[in-house]
Every structure is written in C-alpha cells, then in structure tokens.
C-alpha cells in the first residue's frame, strides 16, 4: 500500500472513530442545542482533513462539558456518570490518536 492510500485509510479510520464517539454523545445530550452542535461536529469530522480533527475533538469536549454540567444541574447522576465516561473516552481517543495533547 502506498503512502497516499495509507493516509486515506488512516484518515477514514480516525474520522469514523471520532464520528462514533460524537454520535454517542449526541444521543446523551438532553438539550437540542448541544445535540445539534454535536451533529455539526460529526459532519466536520467526516469532511475535514485529519490534521484538523484535533479542533473537532476540542470543541466536542467543550460541548460535552456543558452536557455534563446540565446533568449535574438537574441532579441526574446516572446521566452524568454515563456522559462523563463518554467524555473520558473522547479525550483518551484524541490523545492516543495524536489529535491533541494530554
């Protein structure tokens, strides 16, 4: 496999994995605004070049923080714990994929 083909496969893998994590968060969002923001980030993850995916992860973590805060405000500990696990997974993915620093 030549370098160009390898880069394309890697980009598709990273975009797919990121999109999957964003979809899970989107389902967990109780607020329509946050759900729409994550939907938009999924589209970006699938369209942007791999070098730009770190920005998508960072912005998604900001939305995820808001989602978790809203669950805490409502006193919904079950949702908070689930969302927190998804946030942690998203952060670890970003770091391990080399898209962001820890």
N, C-alpha and C. Protein backbone atom coordinates (compact mmCIF):
# COMPACT_ATOMS: atom_id res chain seq x y z
N UNK A 1 0.86 -1.17 0.00
CA UNK A 1 0.00 0.00 0.00
C UNK A 1 0.91 1.23 0.00
N UNK A 2 0.67 2.15 -0.94
CA UNK A 2 1.50 3.35 -0.99
C UNK A 2 1.08 4.34 0.10
N UNK A 3 1.90 5.35 0.30
CA UNK A 3 1.71 6.32 1.38
C UNK A 3 0.37 7.07 1.26
N UNK A 4 -0.02 7.43 0.06
CA UNK A 4 -1.28 8.16 -0.15
C UNK A 4 -2.46 7.29 0.26
N UNK A 5 -2.44 6.03 -0.13
CA UNK A 5 -3.53 5.12 0.23
C UNK A 5 -3.55 4.89 1.74
N UNK A 6 -2.37 4.75 2.34
CA UNK A 6 -2.27 4.57 3.79
C UNK A 6 -2.83 5.78 4.53
N UNK A 7 -2.49 6.97 4.07
CA UNK A 7 -3.00 8.20 4.68
C UNK A 7 -4.52 8.27 4.58
N UNK A 8 -5.07 7.86 3.45
CA UNK A 8 -6.52 7.89 3.26
C UNK A 8 -7.22 6.92 4.20
N UNK A 9 -6.64 5.73 4.37
CA UNK A 9 -7.23 4.74 5.28
C UNK A 9 -7.14 5.25 6.72
N UNK A 10 -6.01 5.80 7.09
CA UNK A 10 -5.84 6.34 8.44
C UNK A 10 -6.83 7.46 8.70
N UNK A 11 -7.01 8.36 7.74
CA UNK A 11 -7.93 9.47 7.88
C UNK A 11 -9.36 8.96 8.04
N UNK A 12 -9.72 7.96 7.24
CA UNK A 12 -11.07 7.39 7.33
C UNK A 12 -11.29 6.72 8.69
N UNK A 13 -10.27 6.03 9.18
CA UNK A 13 -10.37 5.38 10.48
C UNK A 13 -10.56 6.41 11.58
N UNK A 14 -9.71 7.44 11.59
CA UNK A 14 -9.81 8.47 12.62
C UNK A 14 -11.16 9.18 12.57
N UNK A 15 -11.60 9.53 11.37
CA UNK A 15 -12.89 10.21 11.21
C UNK A 15 -14.03 9.32 11.67
N UNK A 16 -13.97 8.05 11.34
CA UNK A 16 -15.02 7.11 11.73
C UNK A 16 -15.09 6.92 13.24
N UNK A 17 -13.93 6.75 13.86
CA UNK A 17 -13.89 6.58 15.31
C UNK A 17 -14.37 7.84 16.02
N UNK A 18 -13.96 8.99 15.54
CA UNK A 18 -14.40 10.25 16.14
C UNK A 18 -15.90 10.43 15.95
N UNK A 19 -16.40 10.15 14.78
CA UNK A 19 -17.83 10.28 14.49
C UNK A 19 -18.65 9.36 15.39
N UNK A 20 -18.18 8.17 15.63
CA UNK A 20 -18.87 7.22 16.52
C UNK A 20 -18.97 7.78 17.93
N UNK A 21 -17.88 8.33 18.44
CA UNK A 21 -17.89 8.91 19.78
C UNK A 21 -18.82 10.13 19.86
N UNK A 22 -18.81 10.93 18.82
CA UNK A 22 -19.69 12.10 18.80
C UNK A 22 -21.16 11.68 18.73
N UNK A 23 -21.45 10.61 18.01
CA UNK A 23 -22.83 10.11 17.92
C UNK A 23 -23.32 9.65 19.29
N UNK A 24 -22.47 8.99 20.03
CA UNK A 24 -22.85 8.54 21.38
C UNK A 24 -23.15 9.73 22.28
N UNK A 25 -22.31 10.74 22.21
CA UNK A 25 -22.55 11.95 22.99
C UNK A 25 -23.82 12.65 22.55
N UNK A 26 -24.06 12.66 21.26
CA UNK A 26 -25.25 13.32 20.72
C UNK A 26 -26.51 12.69 21.30
N UNK A 27 -26.53 11.38 21.40
CA UNK A 27 -27.68 10.68 21.97
C UNK A 27 -27.84 11.04 23.45
N UNK A 28 -26.73 11.25 24.14
CA UNK A 28 -26.76 11.54 25.58
C UNK A 28 -27.13 12.99 25.88
N UNK A 29 -27.12 13.84 24.88
CA UNK A 29 -27.42 15.26 25.09
C UNK A 29 -28.92 15.45 25.28
N UNK A 30 -29.29 16.05 26.42
CA UNK A 30 -30.70 16.30 26.70
C UNK A 30 -31.17 17.59 26.03
N UNK A 31 -30.24 18.45 25.73
CA UNK A 31 -30.53 19.77 25.17
C UNK A 31 -30.41 19.73 23.65
N UNK A 32 -31.39 20.28 22.95
CA UNK A 32 -31.38 20.28 21.48
C UNK A 32 -30.18 21.04 20.91
N UNK A 33 -29.82 22.15 21.56
CA UNK A 33 -28.69 22.96 21.08
C UNK A 33 -27.40 22.14 21.08
N UNK A 34 -27.16 21.41 22.16
CA UNK A 34 -25.95 20.59 22.24
C UNK A 34 -26.01 19.41 21.27
N UNK A 35 -27.18 18.84 21.10
CA UNK A 35 -27.35 17.75 20.15
C UNK A 35 -27.03 18.22 18.73
N UNK A 36 -27.53 19.39 18.38
CA UNK A 36 -27.26 19.96 17.05
C UNK A 36 -25.78 20.30 16.88
N UNK A 37 -25.15 20.82 17.94
CA UNK A 37 -23.72 21.14 17.88
C UNK A 37 -22.91 19.88 17.62
N UNK A 38 -23.26 18.79 18.29
CA UNK A 38 -22.53 17.53 18.08
C UNK A 38 -22.80 16.95 16.69
N UNK A 39 -24.01 17.13 16.21
CA UNK A 39 -24.32 16.69 14.85
C UNK A 39 -23.45 17.43 13.84
N UNK A 40 -23.32 18.73 14.04
CA UNK A 40 -22.49 19.54 13.16
C UNK A 40 -21.02 19.12 13.24
N UNK A 41 -20.56 18.82 14.44
CA UNK A 41 -19.17 18.37 14.61
C UNK A 41 -18.94 17.01 13.95
N UNK A 42 -19.95 16.17 13.95
CA UNK A 42 -19.83 14.88 13.25
C UNK A 42 -19.62 15.10 11.76
N UNK A 43 -20.37 16.02 11.20
CA UNK A 43 -20.22 16.33 9.77
C UNK A 43 -18.81 16.84 9.51
N UNK A 44 -18.34 17.74 10.37
CA UNK A 44 -16.97 18.26 10.21
C UNK A 44 -15.95 17.14 10.31
N UNK A 45 -16.12 16.25 11.27
CA UNK A 45 -15.17 15.14 11.45
C UNK A 45 -15.08 14.29 10.19
N UNK A 46 -16.19 14.14 9.51
CA UNK A 46 -16.23 13.31 8.31
C UNK A 46 -15.73 14.04 7.07
N UNK A 47 -15.66 15.38 7.14
CA UNK A 47 -15.28 16.17 5.96
C UNK A 47 -13.87 16.76 6.04
N UNK A 48 -13.42 17.10 7.23
CA UNK A 48 -12.14 17.79 7.38
C UNK A 48 -10.95 16.86 7.20
N UNK A 49 -9.81 17.41 6.84
CA UNK A 49 -8.59 16.58 6.77
C UNK A 49 -8.18 16.15 8.17
N UNK A 50 -7.41 15.09 8.25
CA UNK A 50 -7.04 14.52 9.55
C UNK A 50 -6.31 15.51 10.45
N UNK A 51 -5.52 16.42 9.87
CA UNK A 51 -4.78 17.37 10.70
C UNK A 51 -5.71 18.34 11.42
N UNK A 52 -6.96 18.47 10.98
CA UNK A 52 -7.91 19.40 11.61
C UNK A 52 -8.82 18.72 12.62
N UNK A 53 -8.71 17.42 12.79
CA UNK A 53 -9.61 16.70 13.68
C UNK A 53 -9.40 17.04 15.15
N UNK A 54 -8.21 17.48 15.51
CA UNK A 54 -7.94 17.88 16.89
C UNK A 54 -8.85 19.02 17.33
N UNK A 55 -9.11 19.95 16.43
CA UNK A 55 -10.03 21.06 16.73
C UNK A 55 -11.44 20.54 16.97
N UNK A 56 -11.84 19.55 16.21
CA UNK A 56 -13.17 18.96 16.38
C UNK A 56 -13.26 18.29 17.76
N UNK A 57 -12.22 17.56 18.14
CA UNK A 57 -12.21 16.92 19.46
C UNK A 57 -12.29 17.97 20.56
N UNK A 58 -11.52 19.02 20.45
CA UNK A 58 -11.52 20.08 21.47
C UNK A 58 -12.89 20.72 21.61
N UNK A 59 -13.51 21.04 20.48
CA UNK A 59 -14.84 21.65 20.53
C UNK A 59 -15.88 20.67 21.06
N UNK A 60 -15.74 19.41 20.71
CA UNK A 60 -16.66 18.40 21.22
C UNK A 60 -16.53 18.24 22.73
N UNK A 61 -15.33 18.35 23.24
CA UNK A 61 -15.13 18.27 24.68
C UNK A 61 -15.77 19.46 25.40
N UNK A 62 -15.77 20.61 24.76
CA UNK A 62 -16.45 21.78 25.34
C UNK A 62 -17.95 21.53 25.42
N UNK A 63 -18.52 20.99 24.35
CA UNK A 63 -19.95 20.68 24.35
C UNK A 63 -20.24 19.60 25.39
N UNK A 64 -19.37 18.60 25.46
CA UNK A 64 -19.55 17.51 26.41
C UNK A 64 -19.52 18.02 27.85
N UNK A 65 -18.66 18.98 28.11
CA UNK A 65 -18.61 19.58 29.45
C UNK A 65 -19.94 20.25 29.79
N UNK A 66 -20.51 20.92 28.82
CA UNK A 66 -21.81 21.57 29.01
C UNK A 66 -22.90 20.54 29.26
N UNK A 67 -22.85 19.43 28.53
CA UNK A 67 -23.84 18.37 28.71
C UNK A 67 -23.74 17.80 30.12
N UNK A 68 -22.53 17.55 30.58
CA UNK A 68 -22.33 17.03 31.93
C UNK A 68 -22.82 18.02 32.98
N UNK A 69 -22.52 19.29 32.79
CA UNK A 69 -22.95 20.32 33.74
C UNK A 69 -24.47 20.38 33.84
N UNK A 70 -25.13 20.27 32.70
CA UNK A 70 -26.60 20.29 32.69
C UNK A 70 -27.16 19.09 33.47
N UNK A 71 -26.54 17.94 33.32
CA UNK A 71 -27.00 16.76 34.07
C UNK A 71 -26.81 16.97 35.57
N UNK A 72 -25.69 17.56 35.95
CA UNK A 72 -25.46 17.86 37.36
C UNK A 72 -26.48 18.86 37.88
N UNK A 73 -26.77 19.87 37.09
CA UNK A 73 -27.76 20.88 37.49
C UNK A 73 -29.13 20.25 37.73
N UNK A 74 -29.46 19.24 36.93
CA UNK A 74 -30.75 18.56 37.07
C UNK A 74 -30.71 17.51 38.18
N UNK A 75 -29.51 17.22 38.68
CA UNK A 75 -29.36 16.17 39.69
C UNK A 75 -29.46 14.78 39.11
N UNK A 76 -29.21 14.65 37.82
CA UNK A 76 -29.30 13.36 37.12
C UNK A 76 -27.92 12.69 37.15
N UNK A 77 -27.63 12.01 38.26
CA UNK A 77 -26.31 11.41 38.45
C UNK A 77 -26.05 10.26 37.50
N UNK A 78 -27.08 9.52 37.17
CA UNK A 78 -26.92 8.40 36.24
C UNK A 78 -26.48 8.90 34.87
N UNK A 79 -27.16 9.93 34.36
CA UNK A 79 -26.77 10.51 33.07
C UNK A 79 -25.38 11.10 33.16
N UNK A 80 -25.09 11.80 34.26
CA UNK A 80 -23.77 12.41 34.43
C UNK A 80 -22.66 11.37 34.36
N UNK A 81 -22.82 10.27 35.09
CA UNK A 81 -21.79 9.22 35.08
C UNK A 81 -21.57 8.65 33.69
N UNK A 82 -22.66 8.42 32.97
CA UNK A 82 -22.56 7.90 31.61
C UNK A 82 -21.87 8.90 30.69
N UNK A 83 -22.28 10.16 30.79
CA UNK A 83 -21.69 11.20 29.95
C UNK A 83 -20.21 11.41 30.28
N UNK A 84 -19.89 11.35 31.55
CA UNK A 84 -18.50 11.51 31.97
C UNK A 84 -17.62 10.41 31.38
N UNK A 85 -18.13 9.19 31.35
CA UNK A 85 -17.39 8.08 30.74
C UNK A 85 -17.18 8.34 29.25
N UNK A 86 -18.19 8.87 28.58
CA UNK A 86 -18.06 9.18 27.15
C UNK A 86 -17.04 10.30 26.93
N UNK A 87 -17.03 11.29 27.81
CA UNK A 87 -16.07 12.39 27.71
C UNK A 87 -14.65 11.87 27.88
N UNK A 88 -14.48 11.02 28.86
CA UNK A 88 -13.16 10.43 29.11
C UNK A 88 -12.69 9.64 27.90
N UNK A 89 -13.59 8.86 27.31
CA UNK A 89 -13.26 8.08 26.12
C UNK A 89 -12.88 8.99 24.96
N UNK A 90 -13.62 10.06 24.77
CA UNK A 90 -13.33 11.02 23.70
C UNK A 90 -11.96 11.65 23.91
N UNK A 91 -11.68 12.06 25.14
CA UNK A 91 -10.39 12.67 25.45
C UNK A 91 -9.24 11.68 25.20
N UNK A 92 -9.38 10.46 25.71
CA UNK A 92 -8.35 9.44 25.51
C UNK A 92 -8.13 9.15 24.03
N UNK A 93 -9.21 9.07 23.27
CA UNK A 93 -9.09 8.86 21.83
C UNK A 93 -8.29 9.99 21.20
N UNK A 94 -8.63 11.23 21.53
CA UNK A 94 -7.93 12.39 20.97
C UNK A 94 -6.44 12.35 21.26
N UNK A 95 -6.09 12.01 22.50
CA UNK A 95 -4.68 11.95 22.89
C UNK A 95 -3.98 10.78 22.20
N UNK A 96 -4.56 9.59 22.28
CA UNK A 96 -3.94 8.39 21.71
C UNK A 96 -3.81 8.46 20.19
N UNK A 97 -4.75 9.14 19.54
CA UNK A 97 -4.70 9.28 18.08
C UNK A 97 -3.75 10.39 17.65
N UNK A 98 -3.19 11.10 18.62
CA UNK A 98 -2.27 12.19 18.30
C UNK A 98 -2.97 13.44 17.81
N UNK A 99 -4.26 13.56 18.12
CA UNK A 99 -5.02 14.72 17.68
C UNK A 99 -4.93 15.88 18.66
N UNK A 100 -4.53 15.58 19.89
CA UNK A 100 -4.40 16.61 20.91
C UNK A 100 -3.42 16.13 21.97
N UNK A 101 -3.02 17.05 22.81
CA UNK A 101 -2.09 16.71 23.90
C UNK A 101 -2.86 16.49 25.19
N UNK A 102 -2.28 15.72 26.06
CA UNK A 102 -2.93 15.50 27.35
C UNK A 102 -2.51 16.55 28.30
